[in-house]
Amino acid sequence: MNAQELRDKTPDQLRDQLVALKKEAFNLRFQQATSQLENTARMRTVRRDVARVMTVLNEKAREAAK
């Protein structure tokens, strides 16, 4: 997922995606704690995707406030 794809989405779609990513991060943390996590790099990508979504949401909020 890249930032341009995210900028094309509506704020509601971004919030839904943010919820899904946070749930995935939660599940990955549990898998890591129980030594069931196979793809450790996925945690990093999910964390960065969450940051991207939040950045685009903040950009959209800032534009709406102008």
PDB file of N, CA and C in Angstrom:
ATOM      1  N   MET A   1       0.850  -1.171   0.000  1.00  0.00           N
ATOM      2  CA  MET A   1       0.000   0.000   0.000  1.00  0.00           C
ATOM      3  C   MET A   1       0.896   1.235   0.000  1.00  0.00           C
ATOM      4  N   ASN A   2       0.574   2.175  -0.871  1.00  0.00           N
ATOM      5  CA  ASN A   2       1.351   3.415  -0.877  1.00  0.00           C
ATOM      6  C   ASN A   2       0.445   4.591  -0.547  1.00  0.00           C
ATOM      7  N   ALA A   3       1.055   5.723  -0.305  1.00  0.00           N
ATOM      8  CA  ALA A   3       0.313   6.889   0.164  1.00  0.00           C
ATOM      9  C   ALA A   3      -0.655   7.416  -0.894  1.00  0.00           C
ATOM     10  N   GLN A   4      -0.300   7.286  -2.164  1.00  0.00           N
ATOM     11  CA  GLN A   4      -1.193   7.794  -3.205  1.00  0.00           C
ATOM     12  C   GLN A   4      -2.500   7.005  -3.242  1.00  0.00           C
ATOM     13  N   GLU A   5      -2.421   5.698  -3.063  1.00  0.00           N
ATOM     14  CA  GLU A   5      -3.637   4.881  -3.004  1.00  0.00           C
ATOM     15  C   GLU A   5      -4.512   5.309  -1.832  1.00  0.00           C
ATOM     16  N   LEU A   6      -3.883   5.640  -0.729  1.00  0.00           N
ATOM     17  CA  LEU A   6      -4.629   6.044   0.458  1.00  0.00           C
ATOM     18  C   LEU A   6      -5.272   7.419   0.268  1.00  0.00           C
ATOM     19  N   ARG A   7      -4.594   8.307  -0.438  1.00  0.00           N
ATOM     20  CA  ARG A   7      -5.141   9.646  -0.638  1.00  0.00           C
ATOM     21  C   ARG A   7      -6.388   9.624  -1.518  1.00  0.00           C
ATOM     22  N   ASP A   8      -6.535   8.577  -2.338  1.00  0.00           N
ATOM     23  CA  ASP A   8      -7.700   8.450  -3.198  1.00  0.00           C
ATOM     24  C   ASP A   8      -8.931   7.960  -2.448  1.00  0.00           C
ATOM     25  N   LYS A   9      -8.750   7.460  -1.232  1.00  0.00           N
ATOM     26  CA  LYS A   9      -9.864   6.924  -0.449  1.00  0.00           C
ATOM     27  C   LYS A   9     -10.535   8.019   0.370  1.00  0.00           C
ATOM     28  N   THR A  10     -11.766   7.735   0.777  1.00  0.00           N
ATOM     29  CA  THR A  10     -12.501   8.673   1.623  1.00  0.00           C
ATOM     30  C   THR A  10     -12.054   8.497   3.072  1.00  0.00           C
ATOM     31  N   PRO A  11     -12.305   9.491   3.915  1.00  0.00           N
ATOM     32  CA  PRO A  11     -11.931   9.356   5.331  1.00  0.00           C
ATOM     33  C   PRO A  11     -12.604   8.156   6.017  1.00  0.00           C
ATOM     34  N   ASP A  12     -13.845   7.839   5.642  1.00  0.00           N
ATOM     35  CA  ASP A  12     -14.512   6.686   6.244  1.00  0.00           C
ATOM     36  C   ASP A  12     -13.811   5.386   5.865  1.00  0.00           C
ATOM     37  N   GLN A  13     -13.403   5.281   4.608  1.00  0.00           N
ATOM     38  CA  GLN A  13     -12.682   4.082   4.172  1.00  0.00           C
ATOM     39  C   GLN A  13     -11.341   3.975   4.892  1.00  0.00           C
ATOM     40  N   LEU A  14     -10.702   5.106   5.095  1.00  0.00           N
ATOM     41  CA  LEU A  14      -9.420   5.103   5.799  1.00  0.00           C
ATOM     42  C   LEU A  14      -9.585   4.673   7.253  1.00  0.00           C
ATOM     43  N   ARG A  15     -10.648   5.150   7.899  1.00  0.00           N
ATOM     44  CA  ARG A  15     -10.888   4.744   9.292  1.00  0.00           C
ATOM     45  C   ARG A  15     -11.161   3.247   9.388  1.00  0.00           C
ATOM     46  N   ASP A  16     -11.930   2.714   8.433  1.00  0.00           N
ATOM     47  CA  ASP A  16     -12.195   1.274   8.420  1.00  0.00           C
ATOM     48  C   ASP A  16     -10.899   0.489   8.234  1.00  0.00           C
ATOM     49  N   GLN A  17     -10.051   0.968   7.343  1.00  0.00           N
ATOM     50  CA  GLN A  17      -8.780   0.297   7.110  1.00  0.00           C
ATOM     51  C   GLN A  17      -7.881   0.391   8.337  1.00  0.00           C
ATOM     52  N   LEU A  18      -7.929   1.515   9.025  1.00  0.00           N
ATOM     53  CA  LEU A  18      -7.133   1.692  10.236  1.00  0.00           C
ATOM     54  C   LEU A  18      -7.561   0.692  11.314  1.00  0.00           C
ATOM     55  N   VAL A  19      -8.864   0.512  11.473  1.00  0.00           N
ATOM     56  CA  VAL A  19      -9.369  -0.461  12.449  1.00  0.00           C
ATOM     57  C   VAL A  19      -8.892  -1.860  12.091  1.00  0.00           C
ATOM     58  N   ALA A  20      -8.976  -2.214  10.820  1.00  0.00           N
ATOM     59  CA  ALA A  20      -8.549  -3.544  10.381  1.00  0.00           C
ATOM     60  C   ALA A  20      -7.054  -3.758  10.623  1.00  0.00           C
ATOM     61  N   LEU A  21      -6.258  -2.738  10.344  1.00  0.00           N
ATOM     62  CA  LEU A  21      -4.810  -2.854  10.556  1.00  0.00           C
ATOM     63  C   LEU A  21      -4.467  -2.978  12.033  1.00  0.00           C
ATOM     64  N   LYS A  22      -5.176  -2.239  12.878  1.00  0.00           N
ATOM     65  CA  LYS A  22      -4.902  -2.334  14.314  1.00  0.00           C
ATOM     66  C   LYS A  22      -5.289  -3.705  14.859  1.00  0.00           C
ATOM     67  N   LYS A  23      -6.383  -4.278  14.340  1.00  0.00           N
ATOM     68  CA  LYS A  23      -6.764  -5.635  14.748  1.00  0.00           C
ATOM     69  C   LYS A  23      -5.697  -6.634  14.324  1.00  0.00           C
ATOM     70  N   GLU A  24      -5.187  -6.456  13.108  1.00  0.00           N
ATOM     71  CA  GLU A  24      -4.139  -7.351  12.625  1.00  0.00           C
ATOM     72  C   GLU A  24      -2.884  -7.228  13.484  1.00  0.00           C
ATOM     73  N   ALA A  25      -2.518  -6.011  13.848  1.00  0.00           N
ATOM     74  CA  ALA A  25      -1.344  -5.807  14.696  1.00  0.00           C
ATOM     75  C   ALA A  25      -1.534  -6.472  16.056  1.00  0.00           C
ATOM     76  N   PHE A  26      -2.737  -6.373  16.592  1.00  0.00           N
ATOM     77  CA  PHE A  26      -3.047  -7.012  17.863  1.00  0.00           C
ATOM     78  C   PHE A  26      -2.873  -8.529  17.763  1.00  0.00           C
ATOM     79  N   ASN A  27      -3.422  -9.105  16.698  1.00  0.00           N
ATOM     80  CA  ASN A  27      -3.309 -10.555  16.507  1.00  0.00           C
ATOM     81  C   ASN A  27      -1.861 -10.979  16.298  1.00  0.00           C
ATOM     82  N   LEU A  28      -1.092 -10.174  15.589  1.00  0.00           N
ATOM     83  CA  LEU A  28       0.319 -10.502  15.381  1.00  0.00           C
ATOM     84  C   LEU A  28       1.098 -10.460  16.691  1.00  0.00           C
ATOM     85  N   ARG A  29       0.763  -9.512  17.569  1.00  0.00           N
ATOM     86  CA  ARG A  29       1.441  -9.454  18.872  1.00  0.00           C
ATOM     87  C   ARG A  29       1.140 -10.705  19.685  1.00  0.00           C
ATOM     88  N   PHE A  30      -0.092 -11.182  19.628  1.00  0.00           N
ATOM     89  CA  PHE A  30      -0.438 -12.398  20.350  1.00  0.00           C
ATOM     90  C   PHE A  30       0.294 -13.603  19.772  1.00  0.00           C
ATOM     91  N   GLN A  31       0.382 -13.665  18.457  1.00  0.00           N
ATOM     92  CA  GLN A  31       1.099 -14.773  17.837  1.00  0.00           C
ATOM     93  C   GLN A  31       2.569 -14.753  18.235  1.00  0.00           C
ATOM     94  N   GLN A  32       3.138 -13.576  18.322  1.00  0.00           N
ATOM     95  CA  GLN A  32       4.538 -13.469  18.715  1.00  0.00           C
ATOM     96  C   GLN A  32       4.720 -13.915  20.169  1.00  0.00           C
ATOM     97  N   ALA A  33       3.797 -13.537  21.015  1.00  0.00           N
ATOM     98  CA  ALA A  33       3.909 -13.882  22.434  1.00  0.00           C
ATOM     99  C   ALA A  33       3.800 -15.388  22.651  1.00  0.00           C
ATOM    100  N   THR A  34       3.046 -16.057  21.795  1.00  0.00           N
ATOM    101  CA  THR A  34       2.867 -17.503  21.945  1.00  0.00           C
ATOM    102  C   THR A  34       3.784 -18.283  21.009  1.00  0.00           C
ATOM    103  N   SER A  35       4.756 -17.624  20.426  1.00  0.00           N
ATOM    104  CA  SER A  35       5.738 -18.236  19.519  1.00  0.00           C
ATOM    105  C   SER A  35       5.094 -18.907  18.316  1.00  0.00           C
ATOM    106  N   GLN A  36       4.009 -18.339  17.809  1.00  0.00           N
ATOM    107  CA  GLN A  36       3.342 -18.879  16.636  1.00  0.00           C
ATOM    108  C   GLN A  36       3.529 -17.986  15.415  1.00  0.00           C
ATOM    109  N   LEU A  37       4.222 -16.884  15.571  1.00  0.00           N
ATOM    110  CA  LEU A  37       4.394 -15.932  14.478  1.00  0.00           C
ATOM    111  C   LEU A  37       5.440 -16.457  13.497  1.00  0.00           C
ATOM    112  N   GLU A  38       5.038 -16.616  12.245  1.00  0.00           N
ATOM    113  CA  GLU A  38       5.957 -17.134  11.235  1.00  0.00           C
ATOM    114  C   GLU A  38       6.625 -16.006  10.444  1.00  0.00           C
ATOM    115  N   ASN A  39       5.854 -14.994  10.061  1.00  0.00           N
ATOM    116  CA  ASN A  39       6.393 -13.904   9.265  1.00  0.00           C
ATOM    117  C   ASN A  39       6.588 -12.685  10.168  1.00  0.00           C
ATOM    118  N   THR A  40       7.771 -12.568  10.721  1.00  0.00           N
ATOM    119  CA  THR A  40       8.026 -11.479  11.668  1.00  0.00           C
ATOM    120  C   THR A  40       8.067 -10.125  10.972  1.00  0.00           C
ATOM    121  N   ALA A  41       8.359 -10.096   9.693  1.00  0.00           N
ATOM    122  CA  ALA A  41       8.418  -8.830   8.958  1.00  0.00           C
ATOM    123  C   ALA A  41       7.031  -8.216   8.800  1.00  0.00           C
ATOM    124  N   ARG A  42       5.994  -9.038   8.929  1.00  0.00           N
ATOM    125  CA  ARG A  42       4.628  -8.527   8.769  1.00  0.00           C
ATOM    126  C   ARG A  42       4.292  -7.510   9.853  1.00  0.00           C
ATOM    127  N   MET A  43       4.837  -7.685  11.055  1.00  0.00           N
ATOM    128  CA  MET A  43       4.583  -6.727  12.136  1.00  0.00           C
ATOM    129  C   MET A  43       5.079  -5.339  11.740  1.00  0.00           C
ATOM    130  N   ARG A  44       6.244  -5.290  11.141  1.00  0.00           N
ATOM    131  CA  ARG A  44       6.822  -4.009  10.732  1.00  0.00           C
ATOM    132  C   ARG A  44       5.980  -3.351   9.645  1.00  0.00           C
ATOM    133  N   THR A  45       5.550  -4.137   8.663  1.00  0.00           N
ATOM    134  CA  THR A  45       4.770  -3.559   7.572  1.00  0.00           C
ATOM    135  C   THR A  45       3.409  -3.077   8.058  1.00  0.00           C
ATOM    136  N   VAL A  46       2.793  -3.810   8.973  1.00  0.00           N
ATOM    137  CA  VAL A  46       1.497  -3.386   9.512  1.00  0.00           C
ATOM    138  C   VAL A  46       1.654  -2.100  10.301  1.00  0.00           C
ATOM    139  N   ARG A  47       2.701  -2.015  11.101  1.00  0.00           N
ATOM    140  CA  ARG A  47       2.938  -0.808  11.888  1.00  0.00           C
ATOM    141  C   ARG A  47       3.146   0.405  10.978  1.00  0.00           C
ATOM    142  N   ARG A  48       3.874   0.216   9.906  1.00  0.00           N
ATOM    143  CA  ARG A  48       4.117   1.321   8.975  1.00  0.00           C
ATOM    144  C   ARG A  48       2.851   1.682   8.201  1.00  0.00           C
ATOM    145  N   ASP A  49       2.034   0.672   7.868  1.00  0.00           N
ATOM    146  CA  ASP A  49       0.766   0.950   7.181  1.00  0.00           C
ATOM    147  C   ASP A  49      -0.167   1.757   8.078  1.00  0.00           C
ATOM    148  N   VAL A  50      -0.175   1.434   9.367  1.00  0.00           N
ATOM    149  CA  VAL A  50      -0.986   2.198  10.314  1.00  0.00           C
ATOM    150  C   VAL A  50      -0.526   3.657  10.316  1.00  0.00           C
ATOM    151  N   ALA A  51       0.769   3.867  10.331  1.00  0.00           N
ATOM    152  CA  ALA A  51       1.309   5.226  10.335  1.00  0.00           C
ATOM    153  C   ALA A  51       0.928   5.959   9.049  1.00  0.00           C
ATOM    154  N   ARG A  52       0.980   5.265   7.911  1.00  0.00           N
ATOM    155  CA  ARG A  52       0.609   5.897   6.649  1.00  0.00           C
ATOM    156  C   ARG A  52      -0.848   6.326   6.652  1.00  0.00           C
ATOM    157  N   VAL A  53      -1.721   5.427   7.117  1.00  0.00           N
ATOM    158  CA  VAL A  53      -3.153   5.740   7.140  1.00  0.00           C
ATOM    159  C   VAL A  53      -3.411   6.935   8.058  1.00  0.00           C
ATOM    160  N   MET A  54      -2.785   6.949   9.213  1.00  0.00           N
ATOM    161  CA  MET A  54      -2.990   8.052  10.145  1.00  0.00           C
ATOM    162  C   MET A  54      -2.463   9.370   9.564  1.00  0.00           C
ATOM    163  N   THR A  55      -1.354   9.313   8.846  1.00  0.00           N
ATOM    164  CA  THR A  55      -0.799  10.515   8.226  1.00  0.00           C
ATOM    165  C   THR A  55      -1.760  11.077   7.191  1.00  0.00           C
ATOM    166  N   VAL A  56      -2.310  10.215   6.352  1.00  0.00           N
ATOM    167  CA  VAL A  56      -3.236  10.675   5.317  1.00  0.00           C
ATOM    168  C   VAL A  56      -4.517  11.205   5.958  1.00  0.00           C
ATOM    169  N   LEU A  57      -4.997  10.556   7.015  1.00  0.00           N
ATOM    170  CA  LEU A  57      -6.184  11.068   7.710  1.00  0.00           C
ATOM    171  C   LEU A  57      -5.930  12.457   8.277  1.00  0.00           C
ATOM    172  N   ASN A  58      -4.755  12.661   8.854  1.00  0.00           N
ATOM    173  CA  ASN A  58      -4.411  13.988   9.392  1.00  0.00           C
ATOM    174  C   ASN A  58      -4.301  15.023   8.280  1.00  0.00           C
ATOM    175  N   GLU A  59      -3.758  14.622   7.136  1.00  0.00           N
ATOM    176  CA  GLU A  59      -3.679  15.547   6.004  1.00  0.00           C
ATOM    177  C   GLU A  59      -5.070  15.965   5.552  1.00  0.00           C
ATOM    178  N   LYS A  60      -5.976  14.995   5.456  1.00  0.00           N
ATOM    179  CA  LYS A  60      -7.342  15.289   5.026  1.00  0.00           C
ATOM    180  C   LYS A  60      -8.064  16.178   6.036  1.00  0.00           C
ATOM    181  N   ALA A  61      -7.823  15.941   7.320  1.00  0.00           N
ATOM    182  CA  ALA A  61      -8.445  16.762   8.358  1.00  0.00           C
ATOM    183  C   ALA A  61      -7.924  18.196   8.293  1.00  0.00           C
ATOM    184  N   ARG A  62      -6.642  18.337   8.038  1.00  0.00           N
ATOM    185  CA  ARG A  62      -6.036  19.662   7.935  1.00  0.00           C
ATOM    186  C   ARG A  62      -6.582  20.416   6.733  1.00  0.00           C
ATOM    187  N   GLU A  63      -6.781  19.704   5.612  1.00  0.00           N
ATOM    188  CA  GLU A  63      -7.357  20.330   4.415  1.00  0.00           C
ATOM    189  C   GLU A  63      -8.795  20.754   4.659  1.00  0.00           C
ATOM    190  N   ALA A  64      -9.545  19.929   5.386  1.00  0.00           N
ATOM    191  CA  ALA A  64     -10.951  20.230   5.663  1.00  0.00           C
ATOM    192  C   ALA A  64     -11.078  21.439   6.603  1.00  0.00           C
ATOM    193  N   ALA A  65     -10.071  21.640   7.459  1.00  0.00           N
ATOM    194  CA  ALA A  65     -10.138  22.741   8.422  1.00  0.00           C
ATOM    195  C   ALA A  65      -9.842  24.093   7.755  1.00  0.00           C
ATOM    196  N   LYS A  66      -9.250  24.075   6.594  1.00  0.00           N
ATOM    197  CA  LYS A  66      -8.910  25.341   5.921  1.00  0.00           C
ATOM    198  C   LYS A  66     -10.121  26.002   5.339  1.00  0.00           C
TER     199      LYS A  66
END
